[in-house]
PDB file of N, CA and C in Angstrom:
ATOM      1  N   MET A   1      -0.945   2.336   4.500  1.00  0.00           N
ATOM      2  CA  MET A   1      -1.309   2.034   5.850  1.00  0.00           C
ATOM      3  C   MET A   1      -1.687   0.564   5.923  1.00  0.00           C
ATOM      4  N   ILE A   2      -1.329  -0.058   7.017  1.00  0.00           N
ATOM      5  CA  ILE A   2      -1.650  -1.465   7.211  1.00  0.00           C
ATOM      6  C   ILE A   2      -2.488  -1.608   8.475  1.00  0.00           C
ATOM      7  N   GLU A   3      -3.613  -2.282   8.310  1.00  0.00           N
ATOM      8  CA  GLU A   3      -4.530  -2.509   9.417  1.00  0.00           C
ATOM      9  C   GLU A   3      -4.648  -4.007   9.636  1.00  0.00           C
ATOM     10  N   GLU A   4      -4.465  -4.435  10.872  1.00  0.00           N
ATOM     11  CA  GLU A   4      -4.639  -5.854  11.185  1.00  0.00           C
ATOM     12  C   GLU A   4      -6.097  -6.083  11.561  1.00  0.00           C
ATOM     13  N   GLU A   5      -6.720  -7.045  10.900  1.00  0.00           N
ATOM     14  CA  GLU A   5      -8.110  -7.389  11.195  1.00  0.00           C
ATOM     15  C   GLU A   5      -8.166  -8.814  11.715  1.00  0.00           C
ATOM     16  N   GLN A   6      -8.967  -9.004  12.734  1.00  0.00           N
ATOM     17  CA  GLN A   6      -9.171 -10.346  13.284  1.00  0.00           C
ATOM     18  C   GLN A   6     -10.316 -11.021  12.538  1.00  0.00           C
ATOM     19  N   GLU A   7     -10.054 -12.212  12.043  1.00  0.00           N
ATOM     20  CA  GLU A   7     -11.066 -12.990  11.347  1.00  0.00           C
ATOM     21  C   GLU A   7     -11.942 -13.718  12.369  1.00  0.00           C
ATOM     22  N   GLU A   8     -13.097 -14.190  11.935  1.00  0.00           N
ATOM     23  CA  GLU A   8     -14.013 -14.893  12.828  1.00  0.00           C
ATOM     24  C   GLU A   8     -13.389 -16.145  13.434  1.00  0.00           C
ATOM     25  N   ASP A   9     -12.477 -16.788  12.688  1.00  0.00           N
ATOM     26  CA  ASP A   9     -11.845 -18.013  13.187  1.00  0.00           C
ATOM     27  C   ASP A   9     -10.661 -17.735  14.112  1.00  0.00           C
ATOM     28  N   GLY A  10     -10.409 -16.453  14.409  1.00  0.00           N
ATOM     29  CA  GLY A  10      -9.320 -16.082  15.312  1.00  0.00           C
ATOM     30  C   GLY A  10      -8.017 -15.752  14.609  1.00  0.00           C
ATOM     31  N   SER A  11      -7.931 -16.032  13.325  1.00  0.00           N
ATOM     32  CA  SER A  11      -6.713 -15.702  12.582  1.00  0.00           C
ATOM     33  C   SER A  11      -6.705 -14.208  12.240  1.00  0.00           C
ATOM     34  N   SER A  12      -5.584 -13.738  11.779  1.00  0.00           N
ATOM     35  CA  SER A  12      -5.442 -12.326  11.409  1.00  0.00           C
ATOM     36  C   SER A  12      -5.298 -12.185   9.904  1.00  0.00           C
ATOM     37  N   ALA A  13      -5.696 -11.029   9.414  1.00  0.00           N
ATOM     38  CA  ALA A  13      -5.443 -10.636   8.036  1.00  0.00           C
ATOM     39  C   ALA A  13      -4.929  -9.210   8.084  1.00  0.00           C
ATOM     40  N   PHE A  14      -4.040  -8.882   7.191  1.00  0.00           N
ATOM     41  CA  PHE A  14      -3.455  -7.546   7.148  1.00  0.00           C
ATOM     42  C   PHE A  14      -3.934  -6.858   5.873  1.00  0.00           C
ATOM     43  N   ILE A  15      -4.667  -5.765   6.044  1.00  0.00           N
ATOM     44  CA  ILE A  15      -5.251  -5.019   4.942  1.00  0.00           C
ATOM     45  C   ILE A  15      -4.386  -3.797   4.674  1.00  0.00           C
ATOM     46  N   VAL A  16      -3.980  -3.614   3.420  1.00  0.00           N
ATOM     47  CA  VAL A  16      -3.119  -2.499   3.034  1.00  0.00           C
ATOM     48  C   VAL A  16      -3.919  -1.514   2.193  1.00  0.00           C
ATOM     49  N   SER A  17      -3.831  -0.238   2.563  1.00  0.00           N
ATOM     50  CA  SER A  17      -4.425   0.821   1.740  1.00  0.00           C
ATOM     51  C   SER A  17      -3.343   1.844   1.436  1.00  0.00           C
ATOM     52  N   PHE A  18      -3.562   2.601   0.399  1.00  0.00           N
ATOM     53  CA  PHE A  18      -2.616   3.615  -0.037  1.00  0.00           C
ATOM     54  C   PHE A  18      -3.312   4.970   0.077  1.00  0.00           C
ATOM     55  N   PRO A  19      -2.985   5.764   1.100  1.00  0.00           N
ATOM     56  CA  PRO A  19      -3.704   7.009   1.356  1.00  0.00           C
ATOM     57  C   PRO A  19      -3.739   7.976   0.176  1.00  0.00           C
ATOM     58  N   ASP A  20      -2.740   7.932  -0.683  1.00  0.00           N
ATOM     59  CA  ASP A  20      -2.677   8.869  -1.808  1.00  0.00           C
ATOM     60  C   ASP A  20      -3.216   8.289  -3.108  1.00  0.00           C
ATOM     61  N   LEU A  21      -3.664   7.047  -3.076  1.00  0.00           N
ATOM     62  CA  LEU A  21      -4.219   6.395  -4.262  1.00  0.00           C
ATOM     63  C   LEU A  21      -5.618   5.894  -3.914  1.00  0.00           C
ATOM     64  N   ASP A  22      -6.624   6.471  -4.527  1.00  0.00           N
ATOM     65  CA  ASP A  22      -8.001   6.078  -4.250  1.00  0.00           C
ATOM     66  C   ASP A  22      -8.277   4.659  -4.710  1.00  0.00           C
ATOM     67  N   ASN A  23      -8.990   3.918  -3.872  1.00  0.00           N
ATOM     68  CA  ASN A  23      -9.475   2.575  -4.199  1.00  0.00           C
ATOM     69  C   ASN A  23      -8.379   1.595  -4.594  1.00  0.00           C
ATOM     70  N   VAL A  24      -7.206   1.731  -3.984  1.00  0.00           N
ATOM     71  CA  VAL A  24      -6.120   0.778  -4.212  1.00  0.00           C
ATOM     72  C   VAL A  24      -5.864   0.070  -2.885  1.00  0.00           C
ATOM     73  N   PHE A  25      -6.072  -1.247  -2.876  1.00  0.00           N
ATOM     74  CA  PHE A  25      -5.941  -2.044  -1.663  1.00  0.00           C
ATOM     75  C   PHE A  25      -5.266  -3.359  -2.000  1.00  0.00           C
ATOM     76  N   THR A  26      -4.722  -4.000  -0.995  1.00  0.00           N
ATOM     77  CA  THR A  26      -4.255  -5.377  -1.095  1.00  0.00           C
ATOM     78  C   THR A  26      -4.283  -5.953   0.308  1.00  0.00           C
ATOM     79  N   GLU A  27      -3.847  -7.195   0.447  1.00  0.00           N
ATOM     80  CA  GLU A  27      -3.893  -7.826   1.757  1.00  0.00           C
ATOM     81  C   GLU A  27      -2.874  -8.948   1.819  1.00  0.00           C
ATOM     82  N   GLY A  28      -2.742  -9.504   3.008  1.00  0.00           N
ATOM     83  CA  GLY A  28      -1.880 -10.649   3.207  1.00  0.00           C
ATOM     84  C   GLY A  28      -2.255 -11.359   4.491  1.00  0.00           C
ATOM     85  N   ASP A  29      -1.940 -12.639   4.563  1.00  0.00           N
ATOM     86  CA  ASP A  29      -2.213 -13.403   5.784  1.00  0.00           C
ATOM     87  C   ASP A  29      -1.222 -13.047   6.888  1.00  0.00           C
ATOM     88  N   THR A  30      -0.031 -12.577   6.490  1.00  0.00           N
ATOM     89  CA  THR A  30       0.983 -12.139   7.451  1.00  0.00           C
ATOM     90  C   THR A  30       1.394 -10.710   7.098  1.00  0.00           C
ATOM     91  N   LEU A  31       2.037 -10.045   8.036  1.00  0.00           N
ATOM     92  CA  LEU A  31       2.515  -8.695   7.772  1.00  0.00           C
ATOM     93  C   LEU A  31       3.535  -8.693   6.635  1.00  0.00           C
ATOM     94  N   VAL A  32       4.436  -9.657   6.620  1.00  0.00           N
ATOM     95  CA  VAL A  32       5.447  -9.753   5.564  1.00  0.00           C
ATOM     96  C   VAL A  32       4.777  -9.941   4.201  1.00  0.00           C
ATOM     97  N   GLU A  33       3.779 -10.808   4.144  1.00  0.00           N
ATOM     98  CA  GLU A  33       3.060 -11.035   2.886  1.00  0.00           C
ATOM     99  C   GLU A  33       2.319  -9.774   2.441  1.00  0.00           C
ATOM    100  N   ALA A  34       1.720  -9.068   3.380  1.00  0.00           N
ATOM    101  CA  ALA A  34       0.988  -7.837   3.052  1.00  0.00           C
ATOM    102  C   ALA A  34       1.927  -6.778   2.487  1.00  0.00           C
ATOM    103  N   VAL A  35       3.109  -6.629   3.071  1.00  0.00           N
ATOM    104  CA  VAL A  35       4.085  -5.647   2.574  1.00  0.00           C
ATOM    105  C   VAL A  35       4.569  -6.048   1.181  1.00  0.00           C
ATOM    106  N   LYS A  36       4.798  -7.332   0.965  1.00  0.00           N
ATOM    107  CA  LYS A  36       5.209  -7.819  -0.369  1.00  0.00           C
ATOM    108  C   LYS A  36       4.139  -7.494  -1.405  1.00  0.00           C
ATOM    109  N   HIS A  37       2.892  -7.792  -1.077  1.00  0.00           N
ATOM    110  CA  HIS A  37       1.791  -7.514  -2.001  1.00  0.00           C
ATOM    111  C   HIS A  37       1.645  -6.008  -2.234  1.00  0.00           C
ATOM    112  N   ALA A  38       1.893  -5.216  -1.207  1.00  0.00           N
ATOM    113  CA  ALA A  38       1.804  -3.759  -1.347  1.00  0.00           C
ATOM    114  C   ALA A  38       2.805  -3.259  -2.383  1.00  0.00           C
ATOM    115  N   GLY A  39       4.020  -3.777  -2.350  1.00  0.00           N
ATOM    116  CA  GLY A  39       5.028  -3.383  -3.338  1.00  0.00           C
ATOM    117  C   GLY A  39       4.607  -3.759  -4.745  1.00  0.00           C
ATOM    118  N   GLU A  40       4.044  -4.957  -4.896  1.00  0.00           N
ATOM    119  CA  GLU A  40       3.599  -5.412  -6.213  1.00  0.00           C
ATOM    120  C   GLU A  40       2.462  -4.535  -6.751  1.00  0.00           C
ATOM    121  N   VAL A  41       1.503  -4.220  -5.888  1.00  0.00           N
ATOM    122  CA  VAL A  41       0.368  -3.387  -6.299  1.00  0.00           C
ATOM    123  C   VAL A  41       0.837  -1.976  -6.628  1.00  0.00           C
ATOM    124  N   LEU A  42       1.688  -1.419  -5.769  1.00  0.00           N
ATOM    125  CA  LEU A  42       2.149  -0.047  -5.978  1.00  0.00           C
ATOM    126  C   LEU A  42       2.936   0.096  -7.273  1.00  0.00           C
ATOM    127  N   VAL A  43       3.854  -0.806  -7.532  1.00  0.00           N
ATOM    128  CA  VAL A  43       4.642  -0.692  -8.763  1.00  0.00           C
ATOM    129  C   VAL A  43       3.740  -0.860  -9.981  1.00  0.00           C
ATOM    130  N   SER A  44       2.756  -1.741  -9.893  1.00  0.00           N
ATOM    131  CA  SER A  44       1.828  -1.924 -11.022  1.00  0.00           C
ATOM    132  C   SER A  44       1.000  -0.669 -11.273  1.00  0.00           C
ATOM    133  N   MET A  45       0.454  -0.077 -10.218  1.00  0.00           N
ATOM    134  CA  MET A  45      -0.362   1.131 -10.372  1.00  0.00           C
ATOM    135  C   MET A  45       0.468   2.293 -10.922  1.00  0.00           C
ATOM    136  N   LEU A  46       1.648   2.502 -10.376  1.00  0.00           N
ATOM    137  CA  LEU A  46       2.483   3.613 -10.839  1.00  0.00           C
ATOM    138  C   LEU A  46       2.951   3.384 -12.276  1.00  0.00           C
ATOM    139  N   TRP A  47       3.235   2.150 -12.621  1.00  0.00           N
ATOM    140  CA  TRP A  47       3.630   1.830 -13.993  1.00  0.00           C
ATOM    141  C   TRP A  47       2.487   2.157 -14.959  1.00  0.00           C
ATOM    142  N   ILE A  48       1.271   1.795 -14.588  1.00  0.00           N
ATOM    143  CA  ILE A  48       0.097   2.103 -15.423  1.00  0.00           C
ATOM    144  C   ILE A  48      -0.068   3.613 -15.556  1.00  0.00           C
ATOM    145  N   PHE A  49       0.060   4.339 -14.446  1.00  0.00           N
ATOM    146  CA  PHE A  49      -0.039   5.798 -14.496  1.00  0.00           C
ATOM    147  C   PHE A  49       0.991   6.370 -15.461  1.00  0.00           C
ATOM    148  N   GLU A  50       2.228   5.908 -15.369  1.00  0.00           N
ATOM    149  CA  GLU A  50       3.289   6.401 -16.252  1.00  0.00           C
ATOM    150  C   GLU A  50       2.986   6.078 -17.708  1.00  0.00           C
ATOM    151  N   GLU A  51       2.549   4.855 -17.973  1.00  0.00           N
ATOM    152  CA  GLU A  51       2.244   4.437 -19.343  1.00  0.00           C
ATOM    153  C   GLU A  51       1.115   5.266 -19.955  1.00  0.00           C
ATOM    154  N   LYS A  52       0.126   5.626 -19.148  1.00  0.00           N
ATOM    155  CA  LYS A  52      -1.032   6.388 -19.632  1.00  0.00           C
ATOM    156  C   LYS A  52      -0.837   7.895 -19.517  1.00  0.00           C
ATOM    157  N   GLY A  53       0.310   8.320 -18.985  1.00  0.00           N
ATOM    158  CA  GLY A  53       0.583   9.745 -18.839  1.00  0.00           C
ATOM    159  C   GLY A  53      -0.227  10.412 -17.746  1.00  0.00           C
ATOM    160  N   ILE A  54      -0.683   9.629 -16.771  1.00  0.00           N
ATOM    161  CA  ILE A  54      -1.459  10.179 -15.657  1.00  0.00           C
ATOM    162  C   ILE A  54      -0.483  10.796 -14.651  1.00  0.00           C
ATOM    163  N   VAL A  55      -0.699  12.055 -14.350  1.00  0.00           N
ATOM    164  CA  VAL A  55       0.164  12.760 -13.396  1.00  0.00           C
ATOM    165  C   VAL A  55      -0.299  12.423 -11.986  1.00  0.00           C
ATOM    166  N   PHE A  56       0.655  12.100 -11.126  1.00  0.00           N
ATOM    167  CA  PHE A  56       0.312  11.831  -9.733  1.00  0.00           C
ATOM    168  C   PHE A  56       1.261  12.605  -8.830  1.00  0.00           C
ATOM    169  N   SER A  57       0.763  12.907  -7.657  1.00  0.00           N
ATOM    170  CA  SER A  57       1.527  13.710  -6.694  1.00  0.00           C
ATOM    171  C   SER A  57       2.491  12.827  -5.926  1.00  0.00           C
ATOM    172  N   PRO A  58       3.528  13.443  -5.357  1.00  0.00           N
ATOM    173  CA  PRO A  58       4.409  12.671  -4.471  1.00  0.00           C
ATOM    174  C   PRO A  58       3.627  12.250  -3.223  1.00  0.00           C
ATOM    175  N   PRO A  59       4.132  11.279  -2.494  1.00  0.00           N
ATOM    176  CA  PRO A  59       3.427  10.815  -1.296  1.00  0.00           C
ATOM    177  C   PRO A  59       3.226  11.946  -0.284  1.00  0.00           C
ATOM    178  N   SER A  60       2.134  11.838   0.463  1.00  0.00           N
ATOM    179  CA  SER A  60       1.869  12.802   1.533  1.00  0.00           C
ATOM    180  C   SER A  60       2.936  12.677   2.618  1.00  0.00           C
ATOM    181  N   PRO A  61       3.250  13.773   3.282  1.00  0.00           N
ATOM    182  CA  PRO A  61       4.223  13.710   4.386  1.00  0.00           C
ATOM    183  C   PRO A  61       3.703  12.845   5.537  1.00  0.00           C
ATOM    184  N   VAL A  62       4.615  12.195   6.220  1.00  0.00           N
ATOM    185  CA  VAL A  62       4.258  11.353   7.367  1.00  0.00           C
ATOM    186  C   VAL A  62       3.497  12.165   8.411  1.00  0.00           C
ATOM    187  N   SER A  63       3.852  13.423   8.583  1.00  0.00           N
ATOM    188  CA  SER A  63       3.190  14.257   9.588  1.00  0.00           C
ATOM    189  C   SER A  63       1.685  14.365   9.338  1.00  0.00           C
ATOM    190  N   ILE A  64       1.276  14.306   8.095  1.00  0.00           N
ATOM    191  CA  ILE A  64      -0.156  14.347   7.760  1.00  0.00           C
ATOM    192  C   ILE A  64      -0.773  12.951   7.896  1.00  0.00           C
ATOM    193  N   LEU A  65      -0.077  11.948   7.407  1.00  0.00           N
ATOM    194  CA  LEU A  65      -0.615  10.594   7.415  1.00  0.00           C
ATOM    195  C   LEU A  65      -0.790  10.038   8.826  1.00  0.00           C
ATOM    196  N   LYS A  66       0.118  10.364   9.732  1.00  0.00           N
ATOM    197  CA  LYS A  66       0.031   9.783  11.076  1.00  0.00           C
ATOM    198  C   LYS A  66      -1.242  10.203  11.797  1.00  0.00           C
ATOM    199  N   ASP A  67      -1.803  11.347  11.426  1.00  0.00           N
ATOM    200  CA  ASP A  67      -3.054  11.794  12.045  1.00  0.00           C
ATOM    201  C   ASP A  67      -4.246  10.961  11.586  1.00  0.00           C
ATOM    202  N   ARG A  68      -4.106  10.239  10.498  1.00  0.00           N
ATOM    203  CA  ARG A  68      -5.189   9.403   9.968  1.00  0.00           C
ATOM    204  C   ARG A  68      -5.181   7.988  10.537  1.00  0.00           C
ATOM    205  N   LEU A  69      -4.108   7.615  11.237  1.00  0.00           N
ATOM    206  CA  LEU A  69      -3.986   6.257  11.744  1.00  0.00           C
ATOM    207  C   LEU A  69      -4.977   5.999  12.871  1.00  0.00           C
ATOM    208  N   LYS A  70      -5.597   4.830  12.822  1.00  0.00           N
ATOM    209  CA  LYS A  70      -6.427   4.373  13.928  1.00  0.00           C
ATOM    210  C   LYS A  70      -5.547   3.524  14.838  1.00  0.00           C
ATOM    211  N   GLU A  71      -5.992   3.311  16.040  1.00  0.00           N
ATOM    212  CA  GLU A  71      -5.227   2.482  16.966  1.00  0.00           C
ATOM    213  C   GLU A  71      -4.986   1.107  16.352  1.00  0.00           C
ATOM    214  N   GLY A  72      -3.742   0.660  16.383  1.00  0.00           N
ATOM    215  CA  GLY A  72      -3.378  -0.637  15.825  1.00  0.00           C
ATOM    216  C   GLY A  72      -2.919  -0.595  14.378  1.00  0.00           C
ATOM    217  N   ASP A  73      -3.147   0.520  13.680  1.00  0.00           N
ATOM    218  CA  ASP A  73      -2.690   0.654  12.295  1.00  0.00           C
ATOM    219  C   ASP A  73      -1.196   0.945  12.265  1.00  0.00           C
ATOM    220  N   SER A  74      -0.573   0.634  11.148  1.00  0.00           N
ATOM    221  CA  SER A  74       0.843   0.921  10.946  1.00  0.00           C
ATOM    222  C   SER A  74       1.024   1.706   9.658  1.00  0.00           C
ATOM    223  N   LEU A  75       1.983   2.580   9.676  1.00  0.00           N
ATOM    224  CA  LEU A  75       2.361   3.314   8.477  1.00  0.00           C
ATOM    225  C   LEU A  75       3.697   2.740   8.022  1.00  0.00           C
ATOM    226  N   VAL A  76       3.731   2.197   6.800  1.00  0.00           N
ATOM    227  CA  VAL A  76       4.914   1.502   6.295  1.00  0.00           C
ATOM    228  C   VAL A  76       5.327   2.126   4.976  1.00  0.00           C
ATOM    229  N   LEU A  77       6.600   2.458   4.849  1.00  0.00           N
ATOM    230  CA  LEU A  77       7.126   2.982   3.597  1.00  0.00           C
ATOM    231  C   LEU A  77       7.306   1.828   2.613  1.00  0.00           C
ATOM    232  N   ILE A  78       6.687   1.951   1.458  1.00  0.00           N
ATOM    233  CA  ILE A  78       6.839   0.967   0.381  1.00  0.00           C
ATOM    234  C   ILE A  78       7.563   1.683  -0.748  1.00  0.00           C
ATOM    235  N   GLU A  79       8.796   1.295  -0.978  1.00  0.00           N
ATOM    236  CA  GLU A  79       9.608   1.942  -2.009  1.00  0.00           C
ATOM    237  C   GLU A  79       9.716   1.014  -3.207  1.00  0.00           C
ATOM    238  N   VAL A  80       9.397   1.551  -4.388  1.00  0.00           N
ATOM    239  CA  VAL A  80       9.481   0.764  -5.618  1.00  0.00           C
ATOM    240  C   VAL A  80      10.176   1.591  -6.691  1.00  0.00           C
ATOM    241  N   ASP A  81      10.660   0.891  -7.687  1.00  0.00           N
ATOM    242  CA  ASP A  81      11.309   1.518  -8.840  1.00  0.00           C
ATOM    243  C   ASP A  81      10.546   1.046 -10.082  1.00  0.00           C
ATOM    244  N   THR A  82       9.757   1.928 -10.687  1.00  0.00           N
ATOM    245  CA  THR A  82       8.934   1.512 -11.817  1.00  0.00           C
ATOM    246  C   THR A  82       9.744   1.174 -13.053  1.00  0.00           C
ATOM    247  N   VAL A  83      10.981   1.640 -13.134  1.00  0.00           N
ATOM    248  CA  VAL A  83      11.826   1.283 -14.268  1.00  0.00           C
ATOM    249  C   VAL A  83      12.388  -0.116 -14.050  1.00  0.00           C
ATOM    250  N   LYS A  84      12.948  -0.347 -12.886  1.00  0.00           N
ATOM    251  CA  LYS A  84      13.555  -1.641 -12.584  1.00  0.00           C
ATOM    252  C   LYS A  84      12.501  -2.716 -12.339  1.00  0.00           C
ATOM    253  N   ASP A  85      11.438  -2.369 -11.583  1.00  0.00           N
ATOM    254  CA  ASP A  85      10.443  -3.358 -11.163  1.00  0.00           C
ATOM    255  C   ASP A  85       9.216  -3.390 -12.073  1.00  0.00           C
ATOM    256  N   GLY A  86       9.142  -2.509 -13.034  1.00  0.00           N
ATOM    257  CA  GLY A  86       7.938  -2.403 -13.860  1.00  0.00           C
ATOM    258  C   GLY A  86       7.669  -3.628 -14.701  1.00  0.00           C
ATOM    259  N   LEU A  87       6.452  -3.740 -15.115  1.00  0.00           N
ATOM    260  CA  LEU A  87       6.066  -4.858 -15.950  1.00  0.00           C
ATOM    261  C   LEU A  87       6.629  -4.654 -17.343  1.00  0.00           C
ATOM    262  N   GLU A  88       7.043  -5.693 -17.953  1.00  0.00           N
ATOM    263  CA  GLU A  88       7.634  -5.594 -19.297  1.00  0.00           C
ATOM    264  C   GLU A  88       6.658  -6.109 -20.320  1.00  0.00           C
TER     265      GLU A  88
END
């Protein structure tokens, strides 16, 4: 989920959270930057889970996630490939 926050100086920041991953966040000064950072964070977290043998569930269905959105929030699909994009 991406939430746009207004800074005190009038600029915006985009905060990214992952509803199915506790305490995993990132941000960006622009929406494009926030989505880029989200992909980097997600592939890193999933790669770590795979390396440590941590089992994780598939993403929650959109029908469930959309009920959690606050006004102004966006739900964005971030698709990564931990084999291709994983850290070496």
